[in-house]
């Protein structure tokens, strides 16, 4: 049952977290220009298309699962499967948060590059 959670719930959770940074709408200093909405959509699409972040998250999840399994097996009170699940969650969530922050930064920098006064 634990492996069912790992194989079905974790990818859904990571996918939901990963896209959140690309959907970011920043705060502007002043009124938005007429081109702001189209530029925002283009910058969000640019951030969303950075698939290398998704690959890094998958790698961190697998690495966390491996490390957790080893630690779970070494602990007398734990199992390798329990450790793998905990490690996968820890590694995957931490990496997904990092990817979300990086996508948010892409949106901000892209808009600044297009001349919008983004403050955060």
PDB file of N, CA and C in Angstrom:
ATOM      1  N   UNK A   1       0.818  -1.195   0.000  1.00  0.00           N
ATOM      2  CA  UNK A   1       0.000   0.000   0.000  1.00  0.00           C
ATOM      3  C   UNK A   1       0.863   1.262   0.000  1.00  0.00           C
ATOM      4  N   UNK A   2       1.989   1.199   0.741  1.00  0.00           N
ATOM      5  CA  UNK A   2       2.870   2.362   0.788  1.00  0.00           C
ATOM      6  C   UNK A   2       3.437   2.675  -0.583  1.00  0.00           C
ATOM      7  N   UNK A   3       3.802   1.646  -1.344  1.00  0.00           N
ATOM      8  CA  UNK A   3       4.359   1.899  -2.668  1.00  0.00           C
ATOM      9  C   UNK A   3       3.307   2.478  -3.612  1.00  0.00           C
ATOM     10  N   UNK A   4       2.037   2.169  -3.368  1.00  0.00           N
ATOM     11  CA  UNK A   4       0.969   2.759  -4.165  1.00  0.00           C
ATOM     12  C   UNK A   4       0.921   4.266  -3.955  1.00  0.00           C
ATOM     13  N   UNK A   5       1.062   4.716  -2.717  1.00  0.00           N
ATOM     14  CA  UNK A   5       1.105   6.150  -2.437  1.00  0.00           C
ATOM     15  C   UNK A   5       2.288   6.798  -3.133  1.00  0.00           C
ATOM     16  N   UNK A   6       3.420   6.154  -3.062  1.00  0.00           N
ATOM     17  CA  UNK A   6       4.634   6.708  -3.643  1.00  0.00           C
ATOM     18  C   UNK A   6       4.521   6.842  -5.153  1.00  0.00           C
ATOM     19  N   UNK A   7       3.943   5.863  -5.811  1.00  0.00           N
ATOM     20  CA  UNK A   7       3.884   5.889  -7.275  1.00  0.00           C
ATOM     21  C   UNK A   7       2.729   6.712  -7.825  1.00  0.00           C
ATOM     22  N   UNK A   8       1.675   6.950  -7.042  1.00  0.00           N
ATOM     23  CA  UNK A   8       0.550   7.713  -7.570  1.00  0.00           C
ATOM     24  C   UNK A   8       0.435   9.105  -6.976  1.00  0.00           C
ATOM     25  N   UNK A   9       0.579   9.246  -5.699  1.00  0.00           N
ATOM     26  CA  UNK A   9       0.372  10.536  -5.049  1.00  0.00           C
ATOM     27  C   UNK A   9       1.549  11.478  -5.242  1.00  0.00           C
ATOM     28  N   UNK A  10       2.763  10.977  -5.150  1.00  0.00           N
ATOM     29  CA  UNK A  10       3.935  11.824  -5.221  1.00  0.00           C
ATOM     30  C   UNK A  10       4.062  12.563  -6.561  1.00  0.00           C
ATOM     31  N   UNK A  11       3.916  11.905  -7.717  1.00  0.00           N
ATOM     32  CA  UNK A  11       4.012  12.650  -8.970  1.00  0.00           C
ATOM     33  C   UNK A  11       2.949  13.745  -9.104  1.00  0.00           C
ATOM     34  N   UNK A  12       1.762  13.489  -8.611  1.00  0.00           N
ATOM     35  CA  UNK A  12       0.700  14.500  -8.668  1.00  0.00           C
ATOM     36  C   UNK A  12       1.068  15.695  -7.804  1.00  0.00           C
ATOM     37  N   UNK A  13       1.551  15.425  -6.604  1.00  0.00           N
ATOM     38  CA  UNK A  13       1.954  16.491  -5.687  1.00  0.00           C
ATOM     39  C   UNK A  13       3.089  17.315  -6.268  1.00  0.00           C
ATOM     40  N   UNK A  14       4.085  16.661  -6.826  1.00  0.00           N
ATOM     41  CA  UNK A  14       5.222  17.373  -7.396  1.00  0.00           C
ATOM     42  C   UNK A  14       4.833  18.185  -8.620  1.00  0.00           C
ATOM     43  N   UNK A  15       3.953  17.658  -9.434  1.00  0.00           N
ATOM     44  CA  UNK A  15       3.505  18.403 -10.618  1.00  0.00           C
ATOM     45  C   UNK A  15       2.738  19.658 -10.211  1.00  0.00           C
ATOM     46  N   UNK A  16       1.927  19.550  -9.187  1.00  0.00           N
ATOM     47  CA  UNK A  16       1.165  20.711  -8.718  1.00  0.00           C
ATOM     48  C   UNK A  16       2.087  21.781  -8.159  1.00  0.00           C
ATOM     49  N   UNK A  17       3.096  21.367  -7.429  1.00  0.00           N
ATOM     50  CA  UNK A  17       4.039  22.323  -6.860  1.00  0.00           C
ATOM     51  C   UNK A  17       4.905  22.955  -7.938  1.00  0.00           C
ATOM     52  N   UNK A  18       5.312  22.176  -8.909  1.00  0.00           N
ATOM     53  CA  UNK A  18       6.237  22.652  -9.917  1.00  0.00           C
ATOM     54  C   UNK A  18       5.701  23.769 -10.782  1.00  0.00           C
ATOM     55  N   UNK A  19       4.427  23.774 -11.061  1.00  0.00           N
ATOM     56  CA  UNK A  19       3.831  24.778 -11.932  1.00  0.00           C
ATOM     57  C   UNK A  19       3.501  26.071 -11.199  1.00  0.00           C
ATOM     58  N   UNK A  20       3.512  26.063  -9.880  1.00  0.00           N
ATOM     59  CA  UNK A  20       3.059  27.239  -9.136  1.00  0.00           C
ATOM     60  C   UNK A  20       3.940  28.460  -9.386  1.00  0.00           C
ATOM     61  N   UNK A  21       5.237  28.291  -9.532  1.00  0.00           N
ATOM     62  CA  UNK A  21       6.115  29.432  -9.791  1.00  0.00           C
ATOM     63  C   UNK A  21       5.883  30.044 -11.157  1.00  0.00           C
ATOM     64  N   UNK A  22       5.530  29.228 -12.126  1.00  0.00           N
ATOM     65  CA  UNK A  22       5.283  29.725 -13.479  1.00  0.00           C
ATOM     66  C   UNK A  22       3.990  30.522 -13.557  1.00  0.00           C
ATOM     67  N   UNK A  23       3.093  30.307 -12.622  1.00  0.00           N
ATOM     68  CA  UNK A  23       1.820  31.033 -12.614  1.00  0.00           C
ATOM     69  C   UNK A  23       1.887  32.323 -11.810  1.00  0.00           C
ATOM     70  N   UNK A  24       3.053  32.693 -11.355  1.00  0.00           N
ATOM     71  CA  UNK A  24       3.237  33.868 -10.502  1.00  0.00           C
ATOM     72  C   UNK A  24       2.894  35.156 -11.255  1.00  0.00           C
ATOM     73  N   UNK A  25       2.163  36.035 -10.585  1.00  0.00           N
ATOM     74  CA  UNK A  25       1.888  37.368 -11.110  1.00  0.00           C
ATOM     75  C   UNK A  25       2.553  38.362 -10.170  1.00  0.00           C
ATOM     76  N   UNK A  26       3.602  39.041 -10.620  1.00  0.00           N
ATOM     77  CA  UNK A  26       4.365  39.911  -9.723  1.00  0.00           C
ATOM     78  C   UNK A  26       3.676  41.238  -9.439  1.00  0.00           C
ATOM     79  N   UNK A  27       4.216  41.914  -8.460  1.00  0.00           N
ATOM     80  CA  UNK A  27       3.747  43.249  -8.077  1.00  0.00           C
ATOM     81  C   UNK A  27       4.521  44.268  -8.903  1.00  0.00           C
ATOM     82  N   UNK A  28       3.806  45.221  -9.448  1.00  0.00           N
ATOM     83  CA  UNK A  28       4.429  46.262 -10.267  1.00  0.00           C
ATOM     84  C   UNK A  28       4.488  47.577  -9.506  1.00  0.00           C
ATOM     85  N   UNK A  29       5.488  48.375  -9.815  1.00  0.00           N
ATOM     86  CA  UNK A  29       5.591  49.735  -9.296  1.00  0.00           C
ATOM     87  C   UNK A  29       4.901  50.644 -10.307  1.00  0.00           C
ATOM     88  N   UNK A  30       3.647  50.938 -10.037  1.00  0.00           N
ATOM     89  CA  UNK A  30       2.865  51.757 -10.951  1.00  0.00           C
ATOM     90  C   UNK A  30       1.838  50.923 -11.700  1.00  0.00           C
ATOM     91  N   UNK A  31       1.152  51.588 -12.584  1.00  0.00           N
ATOM     92  CA  UNK A  31       0.096  50.930 -13.360  1.00  0.00           C
ATOM     93  C   UNK A  31       0.714  50.065 -14.454  1.00  0.00           C
ATOM     94  N   UNK A  32       0.084  48.921 -14.743  1.00  0.00           N
ATOM     95  CA  UNK A  32       0.611  48.075 -15.817  1.00  0.00           C
ATOM     96  C   UNK A  32       0.419  48.733 -17.179  1.00  0.00           C
ATOM     97  N   UNK A  33       1.373  48.505 -18.053  1.00  0.00           N
ATOM     98  CA  UNK A  33       1.283  49.032 -19.416  1.00  0.00           C
ATOM     99  C   UNK A  33       0.286  48.190 -20.208  1.00  0.00           C
ATOM    100  N   UNK A  34      -0.129  48.676 -21.369  1.00  0.00           N
ATOM    101  CA  UNK A  34      -1.051  47.886 -22.192  1.00  0.00           C
ATOM    102  C   UNK A  34      -0.486  46.523 -22.602  1.00  0.00           C
ATOM    103  N   UNK A  35       0.813  46.407 -22.685  1.00  0.00           N
ATOM    104  CA  UNK A  35       1.441  45.150 -23.111  1.00  0.00           C
ATOM    105  C   UNK A  35       1.659  44.187 -21.947  1.00  0.00           C
ATOM    106  N   UNK A  36       1.336  44.590 -20.722  1.00  0.00           N
ATOM    107  CA  UNK A  36       1.670  43.777 -19.560  1.00  0.00           C
ATOM    108  C   UNK A  36       1.059  42.379 -19.615  1.00  0.00           C
ATOM    109  N   UNK A  37      -0.214  42.249 -19.904  1.00  0.00           N
ATOM    110  CA  UNK A  37      -0.864  40.927 -19.885  1.00  0.00           C
ATOM    111  C   UNK A  37      -0.265  39.979 -20.908  1.00  0.00           C
ATOM    112  N   UNK A  38       0.024  40.471 -22.107  1.00  0.00           N
ATOM    113  CA  UNK A  38       0.619  39.579 -23.110  1.00  0.00           C
ATOM    114  C   UNK A  38       2.061  39.229 -22.737  1.00  0.00           C
ATOM    115  N   UNK A  39       2.793  40.204 -22.188  1.00  0.00           N
ATOM    116  CA  UNK A  39       4.157  39.917 -21.733  1.00  0.00           C
ATOM    117  C   UNK A  39       4.137  38.940 -20.561  1.00  0.00           C
ATOM    118  N   UNK A  40       3.203  39.111 -19.644  1.00  0.00           N
ATOM    119  CA  UNK A  40       3.093  38.204 -18.507  1.00  0.00           C
ATOM    120  C   UNK A  40       2.822  36.780 -18.983  1.00  0.00           C
ATOM    121  N   UNK A  41       1.910  36.626 -19.910  1.00  0.00           N
ATOM    122  CA  UNK A  41       1.603  35.287 -20.445  1.00  0.00           C
ATOM    123  C   UNK A  41       2.826  34.667 -21.108  1.00  0.00           C
ATOM    124  N   UNK A  42       3.565  35.460 -21.877  1.00  0.00           N
ATOM    125  CA  UNK A  42       4.765  34.952 -22.545  1.00  0.00           C
ATOM    126  C   UNK A  42       5.837  34.559 -21.530  1.00  0.00           C
ATOM    127  N   UNK A  43       6.016  35.369 -20.499  1.00  0.00           N
ATOM    128  CA  UNK A  43       7.029  35.077 -19.481  1.00  0.00           C
ATOM    129  C   UNK A  43       6.637  33.869 -18.641  1.00  0.00           C
ATOM    130  N   UNK A  44       5.368  33.722 -18.341  1.00  0.00           N
ATOM    131  CA  UNK A  44       4.910  32.543 -17.610  1.00  0.00           C
ATOM    132  C   UNK A  44       5.096  31.283 -18.438  1.00  0.00           C
ATOM    133  N   UNK A  45       4.836  31.367 -19.737  1.00  0.00           N
ATOM    134  CA  UNK A  45       5.050  30.215 -20.619  1.00  0.00           C
ATOM    135  C   UNK A  45       6.532  29.856 -20.681  1.00  0.00           C
ATOM    136  N   UNK A  46       7.393  30.864 -20.722  1.00  0.00           N
ATOM    137  CA  UNK A  46       8.830  30.621 -20.719  1.00  0.00           C
ATOM    138  C   UNK A  46       9.242  29.879 -19.448  1.00  0.00           C
ATOM    139  N   UNK A  47       8.742  30.315 -18.301  1.00  0.00           N
ATOM    140  CA  UNK A  47       9.068  29.674 -17.027  1.00  0.00           C
ATOM    141  C   UNK A  47       8.520  28.249 -16.972  1.00  0.00           C
ATOM    142  N   UNK A  48       7.319  28.056 -17.461  1.00  0.00           N
ATOM    143  CA  UNK A  48       6.666  26.742 -17.438  1.00  0.00           C
ATOM    144  C   UNK A  48       7.421  25.731 -18.314  1.00  0.00           C
ATOM    145  N   UNK A  49       8.052  26.207 -19.384  1.00  0.00           N
ATOM    146  CA  UNK A  49       8.723  25.324 -20.340  1.00  0.00           C
ATOM    147  C   UNK A  49      10.131  24.910 -19.915  1.00  0.00           C
ATOM    148  N   UNK A  50      10.562  25.279 -18.740  1.00  0.00           N
ATOM    149  CA  UNK A  50      11.892  24.905 -18.262  1.00  0.00           C
ATOM    150  C   UNK A  50      11.831  23.493 -17.663  1.00  0.00           C
ATOM    151  N   UNK A  51      11.795  22.509 -18.532  1.00  0.00           N
ATOM    152  CA  UNK A  51      11.588  21.128 -18.105  1.00  0.00           C
ATOM    153  C   UNK A  51      12.778  20.544 -17.353  1.00  0.00           C
ATOM    154  N   UNK A  52      13.942  21.179 -17.442  1.00  0.00           N
ATOM    155  CA  UNK A  52      15.084  20.660 -16.691  1.00  0.00           C
ATOM    156  C   UNK A  52      14.821  20.715 -15.190  1.00  0.00           C
ATOM    157  N   UNK A  53      13.983  21.638 -14.734  1.00  0.00           N
ATOM    158  CA  UNK A  53      13.638  21.697 -13.311  1.00  0.00           C
ATOM    159  C   UNK A  53      12.851  20.456 -12.904  1.00  0.00           C
ATOM    160  N   UNK A  54      11.974  19.979 -13.792  1.00  0.00           N
ATOM    161  CA  UNK A  54      11.200  18.772 -13.501  1.00  0.00           C
ATOM    162  C   UNK A  54      12.122  17.557 -13.414  1.00  0.00           C
ATOM    163  N   UNK A  55      13.113  17.502 -14.288  1.00  0.00           N
ATOM    164  CA  UNK A  55      14.064  16.393 -14.250  1.00  0.00           C
ATOM    165  C   UNK A  55      14.887  16.413 -12.964  1.00  0.00           C
ATOM    166  N   UNK A  56      15.260  17.615 -12.517  1.00  0.00           N
ATOM    167  CA  UNK A  56      15.997  17.733 -11.257  1.00  0.00           C
ATOM    168  C   UNK A  56      15.139  17.262 -10.084  1.00  0.00           C
ATOM    169  N   UNK A  57      13.846  17.578 -10.119  1.00  0.00           N
ATOM    170  CA  UNK A  57      12.943  17.153  -9.047  1.00  0.00           C
ATOM    171  C   UNK A  57      12.801  15.639  -9.028  1.00  0.00           C
ATOM    172  N   UNK A  58      12.693  15.034 -10.192  1.00  0.00           N
ATOM    173  CA  UNK A  58      12.599  13.573 -10.267  1.00  0.00           C
ATOM    174  C   UNK A  58      13.882  12.943  -9.717  1.00  0.00           C
ATOM    175  N   UNK A  59      15.024  13.517 -10.081  1.00  0.00           N
ATOM    176  CA  UNK A  59      16.299  13.012  -9.583  1.00  0.00           C
ATOM    177  C   UNK A  59      16.413  13.142  -8.067  1.00  0.00           C
ATOM    178  N   UNK A  60      15.975  14.278  -7.521  1.00  0.00           N
ATOM    179  CA  UNK A  60      16.032  14.486  -6.069  1.00  0.00           C
ATOM    180  C   UNK A  60      15.091  13.528  -5.355  1.00  0.00           C
ATOM    181  N   UNK A  61      13.956  13.239  -5.966  1.00  0.00           N
ATOM    182  CA  UNK A  61      13.007  12.288  -5.382  1.00  0.00           C
ATOM    183  C   UNK A  61      13.622  10.890  -5.327  1.00  0.00           C
ATOM    184  N   UNK A  62      14.240  10.483  -6.419  1.00  0.00           N
ATOM    185  CA  UNK A  62      14.868   9.157  -6.460  1.00  0.00           C
ATOM    186  C   UNK A  62      16.035   9.068  -5.487  1.00  0.00           C
ATOM    187  N   UNK A  63      16.843  10.118  -5.427  1.00  0.00           N
ATOM    188  CA  UNK A  63      17.967  10.139  -4.499  1.00  0.00           C
ATOM    189  C   UNK A  63      17.479  10.091  -3.053  1.00  0.00           C
ATOM    190  N   UNK A  64      16.428  10.859  -2.766  1.00  0.00           N
ATOM    191  CA  UNK A  64      15.852  10.839  -1.419  1.00  0.00           C
ATOM    192  C   UNK A  64      15.288   9.480  -1.065  1.00  0.00           C
ATOM    193  N   UNK A  65      14.662   8.833  -2.037  1.00  0.00           N
ATOM    194  CA  UNK A  65      14.112   7.496  -1.782  1.00  0.00           C
ATOM    195  C   UNK A  65      15.228   6.498  -1.488  1.00  0.00           C
ATOM    196  N   UNK A  66      16.312   6.575  -2.244  1.00  0.00           N
ATOM    197  CA  UNK A  66      17.438   5.669  -2.014  1.00  0.00           C
ATOM    198  C   UNK A  66      18.078   5.895  -0.658  1.00  0.00           C
ATOM    199  N   UNK A  67      18.318   7.159  -0.321  1.00  0.00           N
ATOM    200  CA  UNK A  67      18.922   7.469   0.973  1.00  0.00           C
ATOM    201  C   UNK A  67      17.984   7.068   2.110  1.00  0.00           C
ATOM    202  N   UNK A  68      16.699   7.345   1.940  1.00  0.00           N
ATOM    203  CA  UNK A  68      15.723   6.975   2.972  1.00  0.00           C
ATOM    204  C   UNK A  68      15.623   5.472   3.160  1.00  0.00           C
ATOM    205  N   UNK A  69      15.698   4.738   2.068  1.00  0.00           N
ATOM    206  CA  UNK A  69      15.648   3.269   2.165  1.00  0.00           C
ATOM    207  C   UNK A  69      16.853   2.734   2.925  1.00  0.00           C
ATOM    208  N   UNK A  70      18.025   3.289   2.636  1.00  0.00           N
ATOM    209  CA  UNK A  70      19.230   2.861   3.352  1.00  0.00           C
ATOM    210  C   UNK A  70      19.132   3.174   4.839  1.00  0.00           C
ATOM    211  N   UNK A  71      18.668   4.387   5.153  1.00  0.00           N
ATOM    212  CA  UNK A  71      18.535   4.772   6.561  1.00  0.00           C
ATOM    213  C   UNK A  71      17.442   3.964   7.248  1.00  0.00           C
ATOM    214  N   UNK A  72      16.347   3.707   6.542  1.00  0.00           N
ATOM    215  CA  UNK A  72      15.265   2.916   7.113  1.00  0.00           C
ATOM    216  C   UNK A  72      15.687   1.492   7.396  1.00  0.00           C
ATOM    217  N   UNK A  73      16.497   0.946   6.520  1.00  0.00           N
ATOM    218  CA  UNK A  73      16.990  -0.422   6.705  1.00  0.00           C
ATOM    219  C   UNK A  73      17.985  -0.493   7.870  1.00  0.00           C
ATOM    220  N   UNK A  74      18.764   0.571   8.054  1.00  0.00           N
ATOM    221  CA  UNK A  74      19.760   0.591   9.123  1.00  0.00           C
ATOM    222  C   UNK A  74      19.128   0.784  10.492  1.00  0.00           C
ATOM    223  N   UNK A  75      17.965   1.442  10.552  1.00  0.00           N
ATOM    224  CA  UNK A  75      17.284   1.692  11.821  1.00  0.00           C
ATOM    225  C   UNK A  75      16.517   0.440  12.236  1.00  0.00           C
ATOM    226  N   UNK A  76      16.666   0.041  13.480  1.00  0.00           N
ATOM    227  CA  UNK A  76      16.008  -1.175  13.973  1.00  0.00           C
ATOM    228  C   UNK A  76      14.489  -1.062  13.978  1.00  0.00           C
ATOM    229  N   UNK A  77      13.947   0.133  14.160  1.00  0.00           N
ATOM    230  CA  UNK A  77      12.505   0.316  14.285  1.00  0.00           C
ATOM    231  C   UNK A  77      11.819   0.639  12.960  1.00  0.00           C
ATOM    232  N   UNK A  78      12.554   0.796  11.880  1.00  0.00           N
ATOM    233  CA  UNK A  78      11.988   1.220  10.602  1.00  0.00           C
ATOM    234  C   UNK A  78      12.164   0.146   9.537  1.00  0.00           C
ATOM    235  N   UNK A  79      11.487   0.371   8.424  1.00  0.00           N
ATOM    236  CA  UNK A  79      11.650  -0.507   7.278  1.00  0.00           C
ATOM    237  C   UNK A  79      12.242   0.293   6.123  1.00  0.00           C
ATOM    238  N   UNK A  80      12.792  -0.414   5.161  1.00  0.00           N
ATOM    239  CA  UNK A  80      13.350   0.258   3.994  1.00  0.00           C
ATOM    240  C   UNK A  80      12.266   0.982   3.212  1.00  0.00           C
ATOM    241  N   UNK A  81      11.078   0.385   3.104  1.00  0.00           N
ATOM    242  CA  UNK A  81       9.989   1.025   2.355  1.00  0.00           C
ATOM    243  C   UNK A  81       9.542   2.317   3.022  1.00  0.00           C
ATOM    244  N   UNK A  82       9.425   2.291   4.337  1.00  0.00           N
ATOM    245  CA  UNK A  82       9.039   3.506   5.056  1.00  0.00           C
ATOM    246  C   UNK A  82      10.079   4.593   4.897  1.00  0.00           C
ATOM    247  N   UNK A  83      11.347   4.208   4.971  1.00  0.00           N
ATOM    248  CA  UNK A  83      12.415   5.182   4.771  1.00  0.00           C
ATOM    249  C   UNK A  83      12.435   5.724   3.357  1.00  0.00           C
ATOM    250  N   UNK A  84      12.156   4.858   2.389  1.00  0.00           N
ATOM    251  CA  UNK A  84      12.136   5.292   0.989  1.00  0.00           C
ATOM    252  C   UNK A  84      11.030   6.306   0.750  1.00  0.00           C
ATOM    253  N   UNK A  85       9.878   6.061   1.323  1.00  0.00           N
ATOM    254  CA  UNK A  85       8.757   6.998   1.163  1.00  0.00           C
ATOM    255  C   UNK A  85       9.090   8.337   1.804  1.00  0.00           C
ATOM    256  N   UNK A  86       9.603   8.285   3.024  1.00  0.00           N
ATOM    257  CA  UNK A  86       9.962   9.537   3.714  1.00  0.00           C
ATOM    258  C   UNK A  86      11.051  10.283   2.958  1.00  0.00           C
ATOM    259  N   UNK A  87      12.055   9.559   2.482  1.00  0.00           N
ATOM    260  CA  UNK A  87      13.130  10.196   1.732  1.00  0.00           C
ATOM    261  C   UNK A  87      12.661  10.781   0.412  1.00  0.00           C
ATOM    262  N   UNK A  88      11.790  10.057  -0.278  1.00  0.00           N
ATOM    263  CA  UNK A  88      11.263  10.547  -1.555  1.00  0.00           C
ATOM    264  C   UNK A  88      10.447  11.812  -1.348  1.00  0.00           C
ATOM    265  N   UNK A  89       9.629  11.815  -0.314  1.00  0.00           N
ATOM    266  CA  UNK A  89       8.834  13.013  -0.022  1.00  0.00           C
ATOM    267  C   UNK A  89       9.733  14.195   0.321  1.00  0.00           C
ATOM    268  N   UNK A  90      10.717  13.968   1.178  1.00  0.00           N
ATOM    269  CA  UNK A  90      11.613  15.057   1.578  1.00  0.00           C
ATOM    270  C   UNK A  90      12.394  15.593   0.386  1.00  0.00           C
ATOM    271  N   UNK A  91      13.004  14.701  -0.381  1.00  0.00           N
ATOM    272  CA  UNK A  91      13.786  15.139  -1.532  1.00  0.00           C
ATOM    273  C   UNK A  91      12.936  15.761  -2.615  1.00  0.00           C
ATOM    274  N   UNK A  92      11.793  15.152  -2.889  1.00  0.00           N
ATOM    275  CA  UNK A  92      10.922  15.652  -3.946  1.00  0.00           C
ATOM    276  C   UNK A  92      10.300  16.998  -3.623  1.00  0.00           C
ATOM    277  N   UNK A  93       9.819  17.144  -2.407  1.00  0.00           N
ATOM    278  CA  UNK A  93       9.178  18.407  -2.023  1.00  0.00           C
ATOM    279  C   UNK A  93      10.198  19.534  -1.975  1.00  0.00           C
ATOM    280  N   UNK A  94      11.368  19.280  -1.405  1.00  0.00           N
ATOM    281  CA  UNK A  94      12.395  20.322  -1.350  1.00  0.00           C
ATOM    282  C   UNK A  94      12.795  20.772  -2.755  1.00  0.00           C
ATOM    283  N   UNK A  95      12.948  19.829  -3.659  1.00  0.00           N
ATOM    284  CA  UNK A  95      13.329  20.176  -5.023  1.00  0.00           C
ATOM    285  C   UNK A  95      12.197  20.880  -5.765  1.00  0.00           C
ATOM    286  N   UNK A  96      10.947  20.469  -5.522  1.00  0.00           N
ATOM    287  CA  UNK A  96       9.803  21.111  -6.170  1.00  0.00           C
ATOM    288  C   UNK A  96       9.663  22.560  -5.714  1.00  0.00           C
ATOM    289  N   UNK A  97       9.906  22.817  -4.444  1.00  0.00           N
ATOM    290  CA  UNK A  97       9.860  24.193  -3.929  1.00  0.00           C
ATOM    291  C   UNK A  97      10.953  25.024  -4.591  1.00  0.00           C
ATOM    292  N   UNK A  98      12.144  24.458  -4.714  1.00  0.00           N
ATOM    293  CA  UNK A  98      13.246  25.153  -5.362  1.00  0.00           C
ATOM    294  C   UNK A  98      12.920  25.452  -6.823  1.00  0.00           C
ATOM    295  N   UNK A  99      12.342  24.495  -7.530  1.00  0.00           N
ATOM    296  CA  UNK A  99      11.977  24.691  -8.936  1.00  0.00           C
ATOM    297  C   UNK A  99      10.915  25.767  -9.070  1.00  0.00           C
ATOM    298  N   UNK A 100       9.968  25.793  -8.132  1.00  0.00           N
ATOM    299  CA  UNK A 100       8.921  26.810  -8.155  1.00  0.00           C
ATOM    300  C   UNK A 100       9.523  28.205  -7.976  1.00  0.00           C
ATOM    301  N   UNK A 101      10.462  28.335  -7.045  1.00  0.00           N
ATOM    302  CA  UNK A 101      11.121  29.624  -6.820  1.00  0.00           C
ATOM    303  C   UNK A 101      11.927  30.058  -8.044  1.00  0.00           C
ATOM    304  N   UNK A 102      12.570  29.111  -8.702  1.00  0.00           N
ATOM    305  CA  UNK A 102      13.345  29.442  -9.898  1.00  0.00           C
ATOM    306  C   UNK A 102      12.432  29.867 -11.044  1.00  0.00           C
ATOM    307  N   UNK A 103      11.279  29.229 -11.180  1.00  0.00           N
ATOM    308  CA  UNK A 103      10.328  29.632 -12.221  1.00  0.00           C
ATOM    309  C   UNK A 103       9.778  31.033 -11.933  1.00  0.00           C
ATOM    310  N   UNK A 104       9.512  31.307 -10.670  1.00  0.00           N
ATOM    311  CA  UNK A 104       9.037  32.640 -10.285  1.00  0.00           C
ATOM    312  C   UNK A 104      10.083  33.694 -10.651  1.00  0.00           C
ATOM    313  N   UNK A 105      11.349  33.399 -10.408  1.00  0.00           N
ATOM    314  CA  UNK A 105      12.430  34.333 -10.756  1.00  0.00           C
ATOM    315  C   UNK A 105      12.498  34.558 -12.262  1.00  0.00           C
ATOM    316  N   UNK A 106      12.234  33.517 -13.034  1.00  0.00           N
ATOM    317  CA  UNK A 106      12.232  33.662 -14.490  1.00  0.00           C
ATOM    318  C   UNK A 106      11.135  34.626 -14.917  1.00  0.00           C
ATOM    319  N   UNK A 107       9.947  34.495 -14.337  1.00  0.00           N
ATOM    320  CA  UNK A 107       8.838  35.406 -14.667  1.00  0.00           C
ATOM    321  C   UNK A 107       9.244  36.842 -14.351  1.00  0.00           C
ATOM    322  N   UNK A 108       9.808  37.054 -13.175  1.00  0.00           N
ATOM    323  CA  UNK A 108      10.195  38.411 -12.755  1.00  0.00           C
ATOM    324  C   UNK A 108      11.246  38.994 -13.686  1.00  0.00           C
ATOM    325  N   UNK A 109      12.316  38.245 -13.937  1.00  0.00           N
ATOM    326  CA  UNK A 109      13.400  38.754 -14.783  1.00  0.00           C
ATOM    327  C   UNK A 109      12.960  38.956 -16.226  1.00  0.00           C
ATOM    328  N   UNK A 110      12.115  38.091 -16.715  1.00  0.00           N
ATOM    329  CA  UNK A 110      11.595  38.233 -18.072  1.00  0.00           C
ATOM    330  C   UNK A 110      10.790  39.529 -18.211  1.00  0.00           C
ATOM    331  N   UNK A 111       9.936  39.786 -17.232  1.00  0.00           N
ATOM    332  CA  UNK A 111       9.141  41.016 -17.285  1.00  0.00           C
ATOM    333  C   UNK A 111      10.011  42.254 -17.151  1.00  0.00           C
ATOM    334  N   UNK A 112      11.010  42.190 -16.299  1.00  0.00           N
ATOM    335  CA  UNK A 112      11.938  43.328 -16.176  1.00  0.00           C
ATOM    336  C   UNK A 112      12.661  43.550 -17.493  1.00  0.00           C
ATOM    337  N   UNK A 113      13.051  42.462 -18.135  1.00  0.00           N
ATOM    338  CA  UNK A 113      13.728  42.579 -19.426  1.00  0.00           C
ATOM    339  C   UNK A 113      12.854  43.186 -20.515  1.00  0.00           C
ATOM    340  N   UNK A 114      11.553  43.073 -20.331  1.00  0.00           N
ATOM    341  CA  UNK A 114      10.605  43.654 -21.290  1.00  0.00           C
ATOM    342  C   UNK A 114      10.184  45.060 -20.884  1.00  0.00           C
ATOM    343  N   UNK A 115      10.844  45.609 -19.862  1.00  0.00           N
ATOM    344  CA  UNK A 115      10.616  47.002 -19.484  1.00  0.00           C
ATOM    345  C   UNK A 115       9.569  47.251 -18.416  1.00  0.00           C
ATOM    346  N   UNK A 116       9.083  46.228 -17.759  1.00  0.00           N
ATOM    347  CA  UNK A 116       8.088  46.425 -16.703  1.00  0.00           C
ATOM    348  C   UNK A 116       8.793  46.643 -15.372  1.00  0.00           C
ATOM    349  N   UNK A 117       8.248  47.525 -14.558  1.00  0.00           N
ATOM    350  CA  UNK A 117       8.853  47.863 -13.269  1.00  0.00           C
ATOM    351  C   UNK A 117       8.336  46.905 -12.196  1.00  0.00           C
ATOM    352  N   UNK A 118       8.963  45.742 -12.143  1.00  0.00           N
ATOM    353  CA  UNK A 118       8.568  44.696 -11.195  1.00  0.00           C
ATOM    354  C   UNK A 118       9.322  44.904  -9.898  1.00  0.00           C
ATOM    355  N   UNK A 119       8.571  44.901  -8.784  1.00  0.00           N
ATOM    356  CA  UNK A 119       9.207  45.058  -7.469  1.00  0.00           C
ATOM    357  C   UNK A 119       9.185  43.755  -6.671  1.00  0.00           C
ATOM    358  N   UNK A 120       8.416  42.797  -7.067  1.00  0.00           N
ATOM    359  CA  UNK A 120       8.395  41.536  -6.332  1.00  0.00           C
ATOM    360  C   UNK A 120       7.253  40.668  -6.725  1.00  0.00           C
TER     361      UNK A 120
END
